[in-house]
């Protein structure tokens, strides 16, 4: 496997992003700290997918997965994050890659100790979101780090 180190500036975190591919070009980064940034990330992903020649259905899948990934970042307490969108190739096939770093621990920590079951509910929501993104894309790769951060890489091939 081929890993590339990618530094997410706002989070001051370095994440290994799985490539397994020869080329990673045309990197677009969207900073996420508001709901409008979630929309911007979605539009950027759709534009990149369209330029790469994806059909309208795949464009919708890519933009929805990007939106869900961005929303996970936005909904994480006290986290400002980034989404990295790029094209990737593996000899003949080429595709789009969407990557980010998420503080999984923040998603799984209970908000209110008086309300047991909140943590389980948050875990289920987080897992459902990840599974939904994985169904929309061809590959969903997680790179868990000791500090509680998780690198998420989504890939859709043409």
C-alpha atoms as a PDB file:
ATOM      1  CA  UNK A   1       0.000   0.000   0.000  1.00  0.00           C
ATOM      2  CA  UNK A   2       1.100   3.539  -0.695  1.00  0.00           C
ATOM      3  CA  UNK A   3       0.504   6.202   1.950  1.00  0.00           C
ATOM      4  CA  UNK A   4       0.981   9.917   1.517  1.00  0.00           C
ATOM      5  CA  UNK A   5       1.339  12.244   4.467  1.00  0.00           C
ATOM      6  CA  UNK A   6      -1.070  15.156   4.305  1.00  0.00           C
ATOM      7  CA  UNK A   7      -1.012  17.975   6.830  1.00  0.00           C
ATOM      8  CA  UNK A   8      -4.344  19.459   7.848  1.00  0.00           C
ATOM      9  CA  UNK A   9      -3.283  22.999   8.752  1.00  0.00           C
ATOM     10  CA  UNK A  10      -6.180  24.116  10.921  1.00  0.00           C
ATOM     11  CA  UNK A  11      -6.141  21.022  13.095  1.00  0.00           C
ATOM     12  CA  UNK A  12      -2.349  21.001  13.365  1.00  0.00           C
ATOM     13  CA  UNK A  13      -2.576  17.294  12.594  1.00  0.00           C
ATOM     14  CA  UNK A  14      -0.693  15.159  10.126  1.00  0.00           C
ATOM     15  CA  UNK A  15      -2.629  12.276   8.621  1.00  0.00           C
ATOM     16  CA  UNK A  16      -1.460   9.444   6.437  1.00  0.00           C
ATOM     17  CA  UNK A  17      -3.792   9.254   3.458  1.00  0.00           C
ATOM     18  CA  UNK A  18      -3.909   5.942   1.628  1.00  0.00           C
ATOM     19  CA  UNK A  19      -3.219   6.370  -2.036  1.00  0.00           C
ATOM     20  CA  UNK A  20      -2.327   3.039  -3.547  1.00  0.00           C
ATOM     21  CA  UNK A  21      -2.193   5.069  -6.718  1.00  0.00           C
ATOM     22  CA  UNK A  22       0.452   6.672  -8.865  1.00  0.00           C
ATOM     23  CA  UNK A  23      -0.792  10.248  -9.110  1.00  0.00           C
ATOM     24  CA  UNK A  24      -2.552  12.743  -6.866  1.00  0.00           C
ATOM     25  CA  UNK A  25      -3.103  16.080  -8.587  1.00  0.00           C
ATOM     26  CA  UNK A  26      -5.280  19.154  -8.470  1.00  0.00           C
ATOM     27  CA  UNK A  27      -5.696  19.320  -4.714  1.00  0.00           C
ATOM     28  CA  UNK A  28      -8.569  21.497  -3.500  1.00  0.00           C
ATOM     29  CA  UNK A  29      -8.942  22.205   0.209  1.00  0.00           C
ATOM     30  CA  UNK A  30     -12.108  23.513   1.845  1.00  0.00           C
ATOM     31  CA  UNK A  31     -11.999  24.715   5.464  1.00  0.00           C
ATOM     32  CA  UNK A  32     -15.061  23.659   7.446  1.00  0.00           C
ATOM     33  CA  UNK A  33     -16.266  25.770  10.348  1.00  0.00           C
ATOM     34  CA  UNK A  34     -19.806  26.750   9.336  1.00  0.00           C
ATOM     35  CA  UNK A  35     -22.811  25.257   7.572  1.00  0.00           C
ATOM     36  CA  UNK A  36     -22.049  27.316   4.477  1.00  0.00           C
ATOM     37  CA  UNK A  37     -18.615  25.633   4.329  1.00  0.00           C
ATOM     38  CA  UNK A  38     -20.388  22.267   4.193  1.00  0.00           C
ATOM     39  CA  UNK A  39     -22.279  23.505   1.118  1.00  0.00           C
ATOM     40  CA  UNK A  40     -19.077  24.877  -0.428  1.00  0.00           C
ATOM     41  CA  UNK A  41     -17.312  21.519   0.037  1.00  0.00           C
ATOM     42  CA  UNK A  42     -20.253  19.772  -1.603  1.00  0.00           C
ATOM     43  CA  UNK A  43     -20.182  22.151  -4.591  1.00  0.00           C
ATOM     44  CA  UNK A  44     -16.393  21.856  -4.959  1.00  0.00           C
ATOM     45  CA  UNK A  45     -16.607  18.060  -4.998  1.00  0.00           C
ATOM     46  CA  UNK A  46     -19.352  18.172  -7.628  1.00  0.00           C
ATOM     47  CA  UNK A  47     -17.326  20.567  -9.809  1.00  0.00           C
ATOM     48  CA  UNK A  48     -14.194  18.410  -9.606  1.00  0.00           C
ATOM     49  CA  UNK A  49     -16.242  15.277 -10.381  1.00  0.00           C
ATOM     50  CA  UNK A  50     -17.880  16.979 -13.358  1.00  0.00           C
ATOM     51  CA  UNK A  51     -14.509  18.135 -14.750  1.00  0.00           C
ATOM     52  CA  UNK A  52     -13.224  14.572 -14.406  1.00  0.00           C
ATOM     53  CA  UNK A  53     -16.074  13.194 -16.503  1.00  0.00           C
ATOM     54  CA  UNK A  54     -18.257  11.525 -13.871  1.00  0.00           C
ATOM     55  CA  UNK A  55     -21.908  11.116 -14.825  1.00  0.00           C
ATOM     56  CA  UNK A  56     -24.628  13.042 -13.017  1.00  0.00           C
ATOM     57  CA  UNK A  57     -25.527  10.136 -10.716  1.00  0.00           C
ATOM     58  CA  UNK A  58     -21.908   9.687  -9.620  1.00  0.00           C
ATOM     59  CA  UNK A  59     -21.545  13.460  -9.218  1.00  0.00           C
ATOM     60  CA  UNK A  60     -24.519  13.379  -6.844  1.00  0.00           C
ATOM     61  CA  UNK A  61     -23.036  10.454  -4.899  1.00  0.00           C
ATOM     62  CA  UNK A  62     -19.649  12.146  -4.587  1.00  0.00           C
ATOM     63  CA  UNK A  63     -21.129  15.464  -3.516  1.00  0.00           C
ATOM     64  CA  UNK A  64     -23.435  13.781  -0.979  1.00  0.00           C
ATOM     65  CA  UNK A  65     -20.574  11.769   0.550  1.00  0.00           C
ATOM     66  CA  UNK A  66     -18.462  14.942   0.724  1.00  0.00           C
ATOM     67  CA  UNK A  67     -21.336  16.796   2.338  1.00  0.00           C
ATOM     68  CA  UNK A  68     -21.792  14.086   4.975  1.00  0.00           C
ATOM     69  CA  UNK A  69     -18.065  14.031   5.706  1.00  0.00           C
ATOM     70  CA  UNK A  70     -18.058  17.825   6.024  1.00  0.00           C
ATOM     71  CA  UNK A  71     -21.076  17.695   8.317  1.00  0.00           C
ATOM     72  CA  UNK A  72     -19.258  15.242  10.601  1.00  0.00           C
ATOM     73  CA  UNK A  73     -16.465  17.797  10.924  1.00  0.00           C
ATOM     74  CA  UNK A  74     -18.888  20.676  11.461  1.00  0.00           C
ATOM     75  CA  UNK A  75     -20.882  18.796  14.119  1.00  0.00           C
ATOM     76  CA  UNK A  76     -17.782  17.857  16.105  1.00  0.00           C
ATOM     77  CA  UNK A  77     -17.646  20.042  19.216  1.00  0.00           C
ATOM     78  CA  UNK A  78     -14.923  22.698  19.045  1.00  0.00           C
ATOM     79  CA  UNK A  79     -13.416  21.363  15.822  1.00  0.00           C
ATOM     80  CA  UNK A  80     -12.574  23.337  12.732  1.00  0.00           C
ATOM     81  CA  UNK A  81     -11.521  21.044   9.938  1.00  0.00           C
ATOM     82  CA  UNK A  82     -10.643  20.649   6.313  1.00  0.00           C
ATOM     83  CA  UNK A  83     -11.775  18.540   3.408  1.00  0.00           C
ATOM     84  CA  UNK A  84      -9.159  17.719   0.752  1.00  0.00           C
ATOM     85  CA  UNK A  85     -10.491  16.894  -2.732  1.00  0.00           C
ATOM     86  CA  UNK A  86      -8.183  15.598  -5.451  1.00  0.00           C
ATOM     87  CA  UNK A  87      -8.022  13.391  -8.485  1.00  0.00           C
ATOM     88  CA  UNK A  88      -6.167  10.083  -8.258  1.00  0.00           C
ATOM     89  CA  UNK A  89      -5.110   7.524 -10.813  1.00  0.00           C
ATOM     90  CA  UNK A  90      -3.933   3.960 -10.829  1.00  0.00           C
ATOM     91  CA  UNK A  91      -2.511   3.447 -14.305  1.00  0.00           C
ATOM     92  CA  UNK A  92      -5.676   3.383 -16.459  1.00  0.00           C
ATOM     93  CA  UNK A  93      -8.542   3.956 -14.009  1.00  0.00           C
ATOM     94  CA  UNK A  94      -8.773   7.364 -12.424  1.00  0.00           C
ATOM     95  CA  UNK A  95     -11.020   8.801  -9.816  1.00  0.00           C
ATOM     96  CA  UNK A  96     -11.700  11.366  -7.156  1.00  0.00           C
ATOM     97  CA  UNK A  97     -10.465  11.237  -3.581  1.00  0.00           C
ATOM     98  CA  UNK A  98     -12.035  13.107  -0.659  1.00  0.00           C
ATOM     99  CA  UNK A  99     -10.054  13.109   2.599  1.00  0.00           C
ATOM    100  CA  UNK A 100     -10.304  14.621   6.045  1.00  0.00           C
ATOM    101  CA  UNK A 101      -9.318  14.132   9.655  1.00  0.00           C
ATOM    102  CA  UNK A 102     -12.052  13.658  12.266  1.00  0.00           C
ATOM    103  CA  UNK A 103     -11.851  13.668  16.049  1.00  0.00           C
ATOM    104  CA  UNK A 104     -13.770  10.441  16.621  1.00  0.00           C
ATOM    105  CA  UNK A 105     -13.497  10.690  20.407  1.00  0.00           C
ATOM    106  CA  UNK A 106     -15.492  13.951  20.361  1.00  0.00           C
ATOM    107  CA  UNK A 107     -18.268  12.169  18.456  1.00  0.00           C
ATOM    108  CA  UNK A 108     -18.397   9.369  20.973  1.00  0.00           C
ATOM    109  CA  UNK A 109     -18.207  11.386  24.200  1.00  0.00           C
ATOM    110  CA  UNK A 110     -21.540  11.828  25.968  1.00  0.00           C
ATOM    111  CA  UNK A 111     -22.810  15.401  26.109  1.00  0.00           C
ATOM    112  CA  UNK A 112     -24.762  15.005  29.336  1.00  0.00           C
ATOM    113  CA  UNK A 113     -23.887  12.539  32.097  1.00  0.00           C
ATOM    114  CA  UNK A 114     -27.465  12.781  33.317  1.00  0.00           C
ATOM    115  CA  UNK A 115     -28.711  11.223  30.069  1.00  0.00           C
ATOM    116  CA  UNK A 116     -27.300   7.707  29.720  1.00  0.00           C
ATOM    117  CA  UNK A 117     -27.590   6.346  26.226  1.00  0.00           C
ATOM    118  CA  UNK A 118     -26.501   9.573  24.540  1.00  0.00           C
ATOM    119  CA  UNK A 119     -23.083   8.057  23.813  1.00  0.00           C
ATOM    120  CA  UNK A 120     -24.619   4.963  22.249  1.00  0.00           C
ATOM    121  CA  UNK A 121     -26.894   7.162  20.140  1.00  0.00           C
ATOM    122  CA  UNK A 122     -23.932   9.268  18.945  1.00  0.00           C
ATOM    123  CA  UNK A 123     -21.896   6.149  18.172  1.00  0.00           C
ATOM    124  CA  UNK A 124     -24.723   4.727  16.093  1.00  0.00           C
ATOM    125  CA  UNK A 125     -25.206   8.021  14.236  1.00  0.00           C
ATOM    126  CA  UNK A 126     -21.463   8.258  13.517  1.00  0.00           C
ATOM    127  CA  UNK A 127     -21.282   4.640  12.315  1.00  0.00           C
ATOM    128  CA  UNK A 128     -24.394   5.020  10.133  1.00  0.00           C
ATOM    129  CA  UNK A 129     -22.923   8.126   8.529  1.00  0.00           C
ATOM    130  CA  UNK A 130     -19.645   6.340   7.773  1.00  0.00           C
ATOM    131  CA  UNK A 131     -21.481   3.316   6.353  1.00  0.00           C
ATOM    132  CA  UNK A 132     -23.646   5.575   4.185  1.00  0.00           C
ATOM    133  CA  UNK A 133     -20.579   7.321   2.776  1.00  0.00           C
ATOM    134  CA  UNK A 134     -18.924   3.961   2.115  1.00  0.00           C
ATOM    135  CA  UNK A 135     -21.975   2.823   0.119  1.00  0.00           C
ATOM    136  CA  UNK A 136     -21.878   5.965  -2.026  1.00  0.00           C
ATOM    137  CA  UNK A 137     -18.195   5.635  -2.894  1.00  0.00           C
ATOM    138  CA  UNK A 138     -16.052   2.755  -4.178  1.00  0.00           C
ATOM    139  CA  UNK A 139     -13.546   2.840  -1.307  1.00  0.00           C
ATOM    140  CA  UNK A 140     -13.727   4.110   2.261  1.00  0.00           C
ATOM    141  CA  UNK A 141     -10.471   3.921   4.203  1.00  0.00           C
ATOM    142  CA  UNK A 142      -9.946   4.805   7.854  1.00  0.00           C
ATOM    143  CA  UNK A 143      -6.568   5.501   9.445  1.00  0.00           C
ATOM    144  CA  UNK A 144      -6.931   5.630  13.233  1.00  0.00           C
ATOM    145  CA  UNK A 145      -4.265   7.525  15.168  1.00  0.00           C
ATOM    146  CA  UNK A 146      -3.234   7.275  18.817  1.00  0.00           C
ATOM    147  CA  UNK A 147      -4.417  10.831  19.532  1.00  0.00           C
ATOM    148  CA  UNK A 148      -8.041   9.941  18.758  1.00  0.00           C
ATOM    149  CA  UNK A 149      -7.983  11.485  15.286  1.00  0.00           C
ATOM    150  CA  UNK A 150      -9.087   9.369  12.349  1.00  0.00           C
ATOM    151  CA  UNK A 151      -8.121  10.003   8.745  1.00  0.00           C
ATOM    152  CA  UNK A 152     -11.036   9.264   6.418  1.00  0.00           C
ATOM    153  CA  UNK A 153     -10.403   8.776   2.699  1.00  0.00           C
ATOM    154  CA  UNK A 154     -13.240   8.240   0.222  1.00  0.00           C
ATOM    155  CA  UNK A 155     -12.507   7.254  -3.392  1.00  0.00           C
ATOM    156  CA  UNK A 156     -14.822   6.957  -6.384  1.00  0.00           C
ATOM    157  CA  UNK A 157     -13.429   5.513  -9.627  1.00  0.00           C
ATOM    158  CA  UNK A 158     -14.673   6.533 -13.073  1.00  0.00           C
END
